[in-house]
Structures are given as structure tokens and as C-alpha cells.
N, C-alpha and C. Protein backbone atom coordinates (compact mmCIF):
# COMPACT_ATOMS: atom_id res chain seq x y z
N MET A 1 37.45 1.47 4.77
CA MET A 1 38.33 1.97 3.91
C MET A 1 39.86 1.85 4.52
N ARG A 2 40.24 1.87 6.36
CA ARG A 2 40.77 1.87 7.08
C ARG A 2 41.59 0.45 6.84
N LEU A 3 40.34 0.01 7.29
CA LEU A 3 41.15 -1.83 7.29
C LEU A 3 41.88 -2.20 5.86
N ASN A 4 41.37 -1.92 4.66
CA ASN A 4 41.84 -1.87 3.52
C ASN A 4 43.52 -1.37 3.17
N ILE A 5 43.14 -0.18 3.88
CA ILE A 5 44.50 0.91 3.66
C ILE A 5 45.55 -0.26 5.25
N LEU A 6 45.18 -0.46 5.91
CA LEU A 6 45.96 -1.37 7.16
C LEU A 6 46.63 -2.66 6.46
N PHE A 7 45.63 -3.49 5.32
CA PHE A 7 45.53 -4.36 5.39
C PHE A 7 46.58 -4.52 3.89
N ALA A 8 46.74 -3.72 2.75
CA ALA A 8 47.77 -3.24 2.38
C ALA A 8 49.09 -3.23 2.71
N ALA A 9 49.40 -1.84 3.62
CA ALA A 9 50.35 -1.81 4.42
C ALA A 9 51.11 -3.08 4.84
N PHE A 10 50.45 -4.00 5.81
CA PHE A 10 50.94 -5.16 6.21
C PHE A 10 51.51 -6.08 4.79
N ALA A 11 50.87 -6.60 4.16
CA ALA A 11 51.11 -6.98 3.04
C ALA A 11 52.24 -6.70 2.08
N LEU A 12 52.87 -5.69 2.21
CA LEU A 12 53.66 -4.56 1.43
C LEU A 12 54.70 -4.90 2.40
N MET A 13 54.63 -5.11 3.72
CA MET A 13 55.74 -5.03 4.73
C MET A 13 56.04 -6.35 4.46
N LEU A 14 55.45 -6.81 4.62
CA LEU A 14 55.27 -8.79 4.38
C LEU A 14 56.27 -8.70 2.91
N LEU A 15 55.69 -8.97 2.09
CA LEU A 15 56.44 -8.94 1.27
C LEU A 15 57.64 -7.88 1.20
N SER A 16 57.88 -7.22 1.66
CA SER A 16 59.69 -6.75 1.42
C SER A 16 60.54 -7.89 2.59
N PHE A 17 59.82 -7.69 3.62
CA PHE A 17 60.66 -8.45 4.64
C PHE A 17 60.69 -10.27 4.08
N THR A 18 59.91 -10.60 3.21
CA THR A 18 60.35 -12.23 2.48
C THR A 18 61.12 -11.67 1.24
N SER A 19 61.32 -10.25 0.48
CA SER A 19 62.44 -10.37 -0.24
C SER A 19 63.75 -10.13 0.58
N VAL A 20 64.28 -9.10 1.58
CA VAL A 20 65.47 -9.77 2.05
C VAL A 20 65.37 -10.91 2.52
N VAL A 21 64.83 -11.58 3.39
CA VAL A 21 65.46 -12.90 3.46
C VAL A 21 65.28 -13.91 2.52
N MET A 22 65.18 -13.71 0.96
CA MET A 22 65.17 -14.40 -0.36
C MET A 22 66.66 -14.09 -0.27
N ALA A 23 67.25 -12.55 -0.63
CA ALA A 23 67.64 -12.15 -0.63
C ALA A 23 69.30 -12.70 -0.13
N ASP A 24 69.34 -12.17 1.59
CA ASP A 24 70.24 -13.07 2.25
C ASP A 24 70.38 -14.54 2.07
N ASN A 25 69.66 -14.88 2.09
CA ASN A 25 69.66 -17.22 1.03
C ASN A 25 70.56 -16.59 0.18
N LYS A 26 70.01 -16.25 -0.73
CA LYS A 26 71.02 -15.95 -1.96
C LYS A 26 72.64 -15.52 -1.44
N ALA A 27 72.62 -14.64 -0.57
CA ALA A 27 74.05 -13.84 -0.27
C ALA A 27 74.69 -15.08 0.12
N VAL A 28 73.82 -16.31 1.31
CA VAL A 28 74.64 -17.40 1.75
C VAL A 28 74.98 -18.36 1.31
N ALA A 29 73.77 -19.04 0.11
CA ALA A 29 74.49 -19.87 -0.59
C ALA A 29 75.50 -19.60 -1.83
N MET A 30 75.89 -18.37 -1.79
CA MET A 30 77.01 -17.50 -2.86
C MET A 30 78.38 -17.52 -2.36
N THR A 31 78.63 -18.17 -1.01
CA THR A 31 79.89 -18.48 -0.16
C THR A 31 80.25 -19.68 -0.54
N PHE A 32 79.01 -20.10 -0.64
CA PHE A 32 79.30 -21.84 -0.95
C PHE A 32 80.62 -21.76 -2.59
N TYR A 33 79.89 -21.13 -2.95
CA TYR A 33 80.91 -21.09 -4.29
C TYR A 33 81.91 -20.24 -4.48
N GLU A 34 82.12 -19.51 -3.30
CA GLU A 34 83.34 -18.86 -3.10
C GLU A 34 84.77 -19.67 -2.97
N PHE A 35 83.94 -20.43 -1.75
CA PHE A 35 85.37 -21.56 -1.44
C PHE A 35 85.34 -22.50 -2.62
N LEU A 36 84.38 -23.35 -3.25
CA LEU A 36 84.81 -23.89 -4.42
C LEU A 36 86.12 -23.62 -5.28
N SER A 37 84.98 -22.10 -5.60
CA SER A 37 86.22 -21.27 -6.22
C SER A 37 87.52 -21.07 -6.44
N ASN A 38 87.62 -20.92 -4.77
CA ASN A 38 89.25 -20.63 -3.92
C ASN A 38 90.02 -21.82 -3.04
N PRO A 39 90.43 -22.77 -3.61
CA PRO A 39 90.09 -24.14 -2.50
C PRO A 39 91.11 -23.82 -1.89
N ALA A 40 91.79 -22.85 -2.01
CA ALA A 40 93.24 -22.59 -0.89
C ALA A 40 93.37 -22.06 0.01
N SER A 41 91.71 -21.48 -0.26
CA SER A 41 91.78 -19.96 0.61
C SER A 41 91.29 -20.49 1.61
N GLU A 42 92.43 -19.78 3.04
CA GLU A 42 91.93 -20.60 4.30
C GLU A 42 90.30 -19.29 4.48
N LYS A 43 91.01 -17.64 4.30
CA LYS A 43 89.58 -17.12 4.22
C LYS A 43 88.00 -17.64 3.90
N ALA A 44 88.25 -18.18 3.01
CA ALA A 44 86.61 -18.77 2.32
C ALA A 44 86.82 -19.96 2.68
N ALA A 45 87.23 -20.52 3.01
CA ALA A 45 87.32 -21.89 3.94
C ALA A 45 86.43 -21.48 5.51
N GLY A 46 86.86 -20.57 5.62
CA GLY A 46 86.84 -19.68 7.17
C GLY A 46 84.82 -19.40 6.70
N ALA A 47 84.55 -18.49 6.23
CA ALA A 47 83.63 -17.78 5.54
C ALA A 47 82.92 -19.70 4.80
N PHE A 48 82.71 -20.33 4.76
CA PHE A 48 82.14 -21.55 3.98
C PHE A 48 81.59 -21.67 5.50
N LYS A 49 82.68 -22.19 6.41
CA LYS A 49 82.79 -22.83 8.01
C LYS A 49 81.26 -21.15 8.19
N ALA A 50 81.28 -20.60 8.18
CA ALA A 50 80.77 -19.37 9.68
C ALA A 50 79.22 -19.69 8.82
N VAL A 51 79.09 -19.88 7.59
CA VAL A 51 77.07 -20.03 6.89
C VAL A 51 76.75 -21.29 6.77
N THR A 52 77.48 -22.59 7.57
CA THR A 52 77.28 -23.95 7.37
C THR A 52 76.99 -24.00 8.80
N ALA A 53 75.78 -24.81 8.95
CA ALA A 53 75.14 -25.89 10.16
C ALA A 53 76.13 -26.26 10.79
N ASP A 54 76.43 -26.72 11.96
CA ASP A 54 77.54 -27.74 12.60
C ASP A 54 76.87 -28.76 11.91
N GLU A 55 75.53 -29.09 11.86
CA GLU A 55 75.16 -30.79 11.31
C GLU A 55 75.11 -30.86 9.30
N TRP A 56 75.82 -29.75 9.24
CA TRP A 56 75.56 -29.57 7.81
C TRP A 56 76.08 -30.83 7.25
N GLN A 57 74.93 -31.28 6.11
CA GLN A 57 75.72 -32.30 5.40
C GLN A 57 75.59 -32.03 3.81
N SER A 58 76.75 -32.92 2.98
CA SER A 58 76.95 -32.50 1.36
C SER A 58 76.30 -33.72 1.03
N ILE A 59 75.49 -33.92 0.30
CA ILE A 59 74.66 -35.62 -0.10
C ILE A 59 74.50 -35.00 -1.55
N GLY A 60 75.41 -36.48 -2.33
CA GLY A 60 75.58 -36.40 -3.62
C GLY A 60 75.59 -37.28 -4.47
N ASP A 61 75.29 -38.24 -3.51
CA ASP A 61 73.95 -39.51 -4.35
C ASP A 61 72.65 -40.13 -3.39
N TYR A 62 72.79 -41.10 -2.99
CA TYR A 62 71.81 -41.68 -2.39
C TYR A 62 72.30 -43.33 -1.55
N SER A 63 73.48 -43.29 -1.86
CA SER A 63 74.40 -44.37 -0.76
C SER A 63 74.25 -44.53 0.72
N GLY A 64 73.87 -43.03 1.32
CA GLY A 64 73.06 -43.39 2.37
C GLY A 64 73.98 -42.11 3.37
N GLU A 65 75.34 -41.99 2.56
CA GLU A 65 76.79 -41.63 2.93
C GLU A 65 76.95 -39.87 2.60
N SER A 66 77.04 -39.59 3.38
CA SER A 66 77.61 -37.68 3.77
C SER A 66 78.61 -37.45 3.48
N LYS A 67 79.11 -35.87 3.29
CA LYS A 67 80.37 -35.41 4.08
C LYS A 67 79.58 -34.70 5.14
N ASN A 68 80.34 -34.64 6.60
CA ASN A 68 80.24 -33.25 6.88
C ASN A 68 80.73 -31.88 6.86
N ARG A 69 81.05 -30.89 7.49
CA ARG A 69 81.49 -29.61 6.83
C ARG A 69 82.88 -29.74 7.28
N ASP A 70 83.54 -30.21 7.85
CA ASP A 70 84.89 -30.85 8.00
C ASP A 70 85.63 -31.86 7.35
N GLN A 71 84.64 -32.66 6.49
CA GLN A 71 85.40 -33.18 5.28
C GLN A 71 85.54 -32.66 4.39
N PHE A 72 84.26 -32.31 3.81
CA PHE A 72 83.95 -31.29 2.87
C PHE A 72 84.95 -30.70 2.62
N ILE A 73 85.24 -29.51 3.59
CA ILE A 73 86.76 -28.53 3.84
C ILE A 73 88.02 -29.62 3.58
N GLY A 74 87.70 -30.21 4.17
CA GLY A 74 89.18 -31.03 3.54
C GLY A 74 89.53 -31.59 2.47
N GLN A 75 88.25 -32.07 1.94
CA GLN A 75 88.30 -32.59 0.49
C GLN A 75 88.87 -31.21 -0.52
N VAL A 76 87.85 -30.04 -0.59
CA VAL A 76 87.86 -29.19 -0.84
C VAL A 76 89.84 -28.18 -0.79
N SER A 77 89.86 -27.98 0.15
CA SER A 77 90.77 -27.56 0.70
C SER A 77 92.49 -28.57 0.56
N GLY A 78 91.92 -29.63 0.62
CA GLY A 78 93.32 -30.60 0.38
C GLY A 78 93.05 -30.80 -0.88
N PHE A 79 92.31 -31.62 -1.12
CA PHE A 79 92.11 -33.15 -2.31
C PHE A 79 92.34 -32.20 -3.62
N PHE A 80 90.91 -31.50 -4.01
CA PHE A 80 90.90 -29.96 -5.30
C PHE A 80 91.41 -29.25 -5.43
N ALA A 81 92.00 -28.08 -4.35
CA ALA A 81 93.48 -27.03 -4.08
C ALA A 81 94.82 -27.55 -4.18
N LYS A 82 94.95 -29.53 -4.32
CA LYS A 82 96.06 -29.33 -4.68
C LYS A 82 96.16 -30.03 -6.75
N LEU A 83 94.40 -30.73 -6.61
CA LEU A 83 95.09 -31.25 -7.51
C LEU A 83 94.40 -30.35 -9.44
N ILE A 84 93.69 -29.40 -8.95
CA ILE A 84 92.85 -28.63 -9.40
C ILE A 84 93.20 -26.59 -9.01
N PRO A 85 94.14 -26.64 -8.92
CA PRO A 85 94.31 -25.29 -8.15
C PRO A 85 93.88 -23.99 -9.17
N ASP A 86 93.32 -24.04 -10.28
CA ASP A 86 92.73 -22.73 -11.52
C ASP A 86 91.13 -23.79 -11.05
N LEU A 87 90.50 -23.84 -9.99
CA LEU A 87 89.41 -25.02 -9.54
C LEU A 87 88.28 -23.29 -10.30
N LYS A 88 87.28 -23.28 -11.35
CA LYS A 88 86.43 -21.96 -10.53
C LYS A 88 84.38 -22.78 -10.91
N TRP A 89 84.19 -22.17 -10.14
CA TRP A 89 82.87 -22.31 -10.21
C TRP A 89 81.98 -20.78 -10.16
N GLU A 90 81.00 -20.76 -11.81
CA GLU A 90 80.78 -19.94 -11.70
C GLU A 90 79.53 -20.32 -12.13
N VAL A 91 78.58 -19.25 -11.33
CA VAL A 91 76.65 -19.69 -10.83
C VAL A 91 76.54 -18.62 -12.35
N GLN A 92 75.87 -19.85 -12.40
CA GLN A 92 74.68 -18.89 -14.24
C GLN A 92 73.05 -18.58 -14.26
N GLN A 93 72.63 -19.56 -12.93
CA GLN A 93 71.04 -18.75 -12.03
C GLN A 93 71.03 -19.85 -11.39
N THR A 94 70.34 -18.98 -10.16
CA THR A 94 69.90 -19.25 -9.14
C THR A 94 67.38 -19.11 -8.98
N ILE A 95 67.28 -19.77 -8.22
CA ILE A 95 65.95 -20.05 -8.30
C ILE A 95 65.78 -19.73 -6.58
N GLU A 96 65.05 -19.17 -5.87
CA GLU A 96 64.85 -19.49 -4.60
C GLU A 96 63.73 -19.50 -3.79
N GLU A 97 63.18 -20.62 -3.54
CA GLU A 97 61.84 -20.69 -3.20
C GLU A 97 62.24 -21.07 -1.69
N GLY A 98 61.27 -20.38 -0.76
CA GLY A 98 60.75 -21.03 0.51
C GLY A 98 62.88 -20.28 1.01
N ASP A 99 63.03 -22.00 1.93
CA ASP A 99 64.51 -21.84 3.02
C ASP A 99 65.45 -22.68 1.74
N GLN A 100 64.41 -22.44 -0.04
CA GLN A 100 66.08 -23.54 -0.22
C GLN A 100 66.76 -22.41 -1.54
N VAL A 101 67.13 -22.70 -1.98
CA VAL A 101 67.93 -22.07 -3.23
C VAL A 101 68.79 -23.04 -3.83
N VAL A 102 68.35 -23.28 -5.63
CA VAL A 102 68.60 -23.87 -6.52
C VAL A 102 69.36 -22.91 -7.43
N VAL A 103 71.30 -23.47 -7.38
CA VAL A 103 72.08 -23.04 -8.43
C VAL A 103 72.64 -24.50 -9.86
N ARG A 104 72.41 -23.17 -10.56
CA ARG A 104 72.72 -23.99 -11.78
C ARG A 104 74.06 -23.37 -12.08
N SER A 105 75.36 -23.95 -11.90
CA SER A 105 76.44 -23.50 -12.45
C SER A 105 77.31 -24.38 -13.39
N ARG A 106 78.74 -23.43 -13.80
CA ARG A 106 79.51 -24.49 -14.00
C ARG A 106 80.83 -24.19 -13.52
N ALA A 107 81.59 -25.61 -13.76
CA ALA A 107 82.83 -25.37 -12.84
C ALA A 107 83.85 -26.06 -14.28
N THR A 108 84.54 -25.50 -14.00
CA THR A 108 86.26 -25.75 -15.45
C THR A 108 87.04 -25.69 -13.56
N GLY A 109 88.27 -26.24 -15.01
CA GLY A 109 89.15 -26.68 -14.31
C GLY A 109 90.21 -27.21 -15.07
N THR A 110 91.91 -27.55 -14.70
CA THR A 110 92.82 -28.20 -15.55
C THR A 110 93.74 -29.12 -14.43
N PRO A 111 92.79 -30.07 -14.36
CA PRO A 111 94.39 -30.86 -13.16
C PRO A 111 95.04 -31.47 -13.20
N ASN A 112 96.58 -31.05 -12.36
CA ASN A 112 98.36 -31.40 -12.81
C ASN A 112 98.06 -32.41 -12.63
N GLY A 113 97.52 -33.45 -12.30
CA GLY A 113 97.37 -34.97 -11.81
C GLY A 113 96.44 -35.56 -12.49
N PRO A 114 96.13 -37.27 -12.69
CA PRO A 114 95.29 -37.36 -13.05
C PRO A 114 93.91 -37.40 -11.78
N LEU A 115 93.09 -37.65 -12.63
CA LEU A 115 91.25 -36.81 -12.19
C LEU A 115 90.69 -37.92 -12.54
N PHE A 116 90.22 -38.83 -11.08
CA PHE A 116 89.60 -40.22 -10.23
C PHE A 116 90.06 -41.54 -11.45
N GLY A 117 91.48 -41.39 -12.06
CA GLY A 117 92.10 -42.22 -12.44
C GLY A 117 92.44 -41.70 -13.99
N VAL A 118 92.17 -40.36 -14.32
CA VAL A 118 92.29 -40.52 -15.54
C VAL A 118 93.54 -39.14 -15.97
N ASP A 119 94.27 -39.62 -16.54
CA ASP A 119 95.50 -37.98 -16.75
C ASP A 119 94.91 -37.40 -17.89
N GLY A 120 94.74 -36.37 -17.96
CA GLY A 120 94.28 -35.84 -18.94
C GLY A 120 95.27 -35.12 -19.44
N MET A 121 96.38 -35.14 -19.51
CA MET A 121 97.53 -34.31 -19.67
C MET A 121 97.65 -33.07 -20.72
N GLY A 122 97.27 -32.34 -18.77
CA GLY A 122 97.34 -31.02 -18.89
C GLY A 122 95.74 -30.68 -19.93
N LYS A 123 94.55 -31.09 -20.06
CA LYS A 123 93.70 -30.24 -20.74
C LYS A 123 92.74 -29.89 -19.42
N SER A 124 91.96 -29.70 -19.98
CA SER A 124 90.87 -28.70 -19.23
C SER A 124 89.49 -29.29 -19.58
N PHE A 125 88.39 -29.26 -18.35
CA PHE A 125 87.61 -29.83 -18.29
C PHE A 125 86.44 -28.50 -18.25
N ASP A 126 85.50 -28.80 -17.74
CA ASP A 126 83.93 -27.76 -18.46
C ASP A 126 82.68 -28.90 -17.72
N ILE A 127 81.68 -28.15 -17.03
CA ILE A 127 80.74 -29.07 -16.57
C ILE A 127 79.91 -28.26 -16.00
N LEU A 128 78.57 -29.22 -16.17
CA LEU A 128 77.34 -28.59 -15.09
C LEU A 128 77.54 -29.30 -14.28
N THR A 129 76.76 -27.83 -13.00
CA THR A 129 76.74 -28.79 -12.05
C THR A 129 75.60 -28.47 -11.35
N ILE A 130 74.33 -28.87 -10.47
CA ILE A 130 73.44 -28.69 -10.11
C ILE A 130 73.28 -28.95 -8.56
N ASP A 131 73.07 -27.59 -7.20
CA ASP A 131 72.98 -27.83 -6.54
C ASP A 131 71.56 -27.35 -6.06
N ILE A 132 70.95 -27.78 -4.65
CA ILE A 132 69.86 -27.00 -3.96
C ILE A 132 70.25 -27.18 -1.83
N HIS A 133 70.17 -25.93 -1.68
CA HIS A 133 70.40 -25.58 -0.78
C HIS A 133 69.65 -25.29 0.75
N THR A 134 69.19 -26.04 1.38
CA THR A 134 68.65 -25.50 2.14
C THR A 134 68.92 -25.12 3.21
N ILE A 135 68.44 -23.67 3.10
CA ILE A 135 69.29 -22.40 4.65
C ILE A 135 67.87 -22.26 5.18
N LYS A 136 68.27 -22.21 6.99
CA LYS A 136 67.84 -22.10 8.20
C LYS A 136 68.50 -21.55 8.86
N ASP A 137 68.12 -20.02 9.46
CA ASP A 137 68.26 -18.94 10.42
C ASP A 137 69.31 -19.02 9.74
N GLY A 138 70.13 -18.50 8.70
CA GLY A 138 70.83 -18.30 8.18
C GLY A 138 72.40 -18.95 7.73
N LYS A 139 71.91 -20.08 7.95
CA LYS A 139 73.09 -21.07 7.79
C LYS A 139 72.25 -22.25 6.85
N ILE A 140 72.83 -22.45 6.07
CA ILE A 140 73.17 -23.86 5.07
C ILE A 140 72.80 -25.13 5.70
N VAL A 141 72.00 -25.57 6.06
CA VAL A 141 72.12 -26.93 7.22
C VAL A 141 71.94 -28.13 6.03
N ARG A 142 71.79 -28.23 4.71
CA ARG A 142 71.96 -29.03 3.37
C ARG A 142 71.99 -28.78 2.57
N SER A 143 73.50 -29.40 1.38
CA SER A 143 72.94 -29.52 0.32
C SER A 143 73.47 -30.36 -0.92
N TYR A 144 72.31 -30.83 -1.77
CA TYR A 144 72.22 -31.77 -2.54
C TYR A 144 73.17 -31.66 -3.79
N HIS A 145 74.12 -31.99 -4.44
CA HIS A 145 74.72 -31.81 -5.43
C HIS A 145 74.36 -33.04 -6.73
N VAL A 146 74.84 -32.40 -7.94
CA VAL A 146 75.09 -33.32 -8.78
C VAL A 146 75.91 -32.49 -10.02
N GLU A 147 77.06 -33.32 -9.98
CA GLU A 147 78.42 -32.24 -10.55
C GLU A 147 78.25 -33.87 -12.11
N ASP A 148 78.67 -32.69 -13.09
CA ASP A 148 79.36 -34.06 -14.79
C ASP A 148 80.27 -34.44 -14.74
N TRP A 149 80.65 -35.11 -12.70
CA TRP A 149 82.27 -35.43 -13.47
C TRP A 149 82.17 -37.16 -14.51
N ALA A 150 81.60 -37.28 -14.83
CA ALA A 150 81.57 -37.76 -15.94
C ALA A 150 82.54 -37.53 -17.92
N GLY A 151 81.35 -36.30 -17.32
CA GLY A 151 81.25 -35.38 -18.54
C GLY A 151 82.59 -34.78 -18.38
N ALA A 152 83.45 -34.11 -17.33
CA ALA A 152 85.08 -34.12 -16.82
C ALA A 152 85.78 -34.86 -17.33
N LEU A 153 85.19 -35.99 -17.40
CA LEU A 153 86.75 -37.76 -17.35
C LEU A 153 86.80 -37.94 -18.83
N GLN A 154 85.66 -37.79 -19.65
CA GLN A 154 85.55 -37.67 -21.27
C GLN A 154 86.07 -36.18 -21.73
N GLN A 155 86.08 -35.26 -21.20
CA GLN A 155 86.68 -34.53 -21.95
C GLN A 155 88.47 -34.75 -21.91
N LEU A 156 89.24 -34.89 -20.71
CA LEU A 156 90.03 -35.54 -20.36
C LEU A 156 90.49 -36.47 -21.34
N LYS A 157 90.19 -37.56 -21.77
CA LYS A 157 90.48 -38.52 -22.48
C LYS A 157 90.36 -38.06 -24.14
N ALA A 158 89.57 -37.35 -24.39
CA ALA A 158 89.26 -36.78 -25.75
C ALA A 158 91.12 -36.42 -26.34
N LYS A 159 91.24 -36.83 -27.33
CA LYS A 159 92.37 -35.79 -28.25
C LYS A 159 92.14 -34.55 -27.92
């Protein structure tokens, strides 16, 4: 009987610990979206840098090319902050599995100039994005991501 009680107590403790780790992983991942939604903010860029590993990789396709943390910060703080100052990344769903957090989100914005060669003349876009973040020891080490930029360009070309 005592062994059963001890086992049940251990199982509850392990479940509680796992829930805390998962919640922490989700909070770490949300820092990524705070930065994307505030691309000109040095505070958001600093928070992003703090939750990403030195060797963090941004992987958006299978070309073999990836961006490191400094390249990504430069792209978001430079290119996106200037071109799409109202860029917002709204998290709509998260799924946590072990050391991974999968995020479905919606990115919106109004470019103030040509986006990937398309001049939207003040039009806005609203696209689907999917990310898979791997988190180890409280830091994001890798982020796979897919954004519907083709859909954004279609919206900007529409009359």
C-alpha cells in the first residue's frame, strides 16, 4: 500500500515538473513572436537574443542555407522594421511535444514599398505561418518556419 502511495506521489511530481517545463518552453517560444511583432524594438530584439542559443538556426527551406541569430535579427530589425513597420505576428495555436513547440500564427502588415518586387500601393496582407521550435535548456536552438509569402504577394497585387 505504501509503495502504491509513493509511486502515485512520484508520478504526480513528475507530471507537475513536465507541465512546468512545457509552460516554460511555450513562454520561451512566445518571445520569438514578440520580436516579430515589434521589429524595430531593441528591447524585443534583446529578449529574442536572450532566449536563443548562440548556435540558433532559422531554417525556411531545404536549400541547405539557414540564417544564424545575428543575420535573423538584422533581417527583422532592418528589412522588416523599415518596410513593414506595422508587422504583427498573432499566435493562434501552440502544440507542445517534448522539447518542441509548434506554432500556427497569422502575420499581417502593410508594406510601405515593394515587397519581394511587388508594389502593393498601400495594400495589406494577411498570411498563415507555421513554425517548429526546438528548445533545449531554456533556449531555442532551431526554428523551422514556413510563411505564405506567395499569398501575401497575391494580396498585394489584387485590385
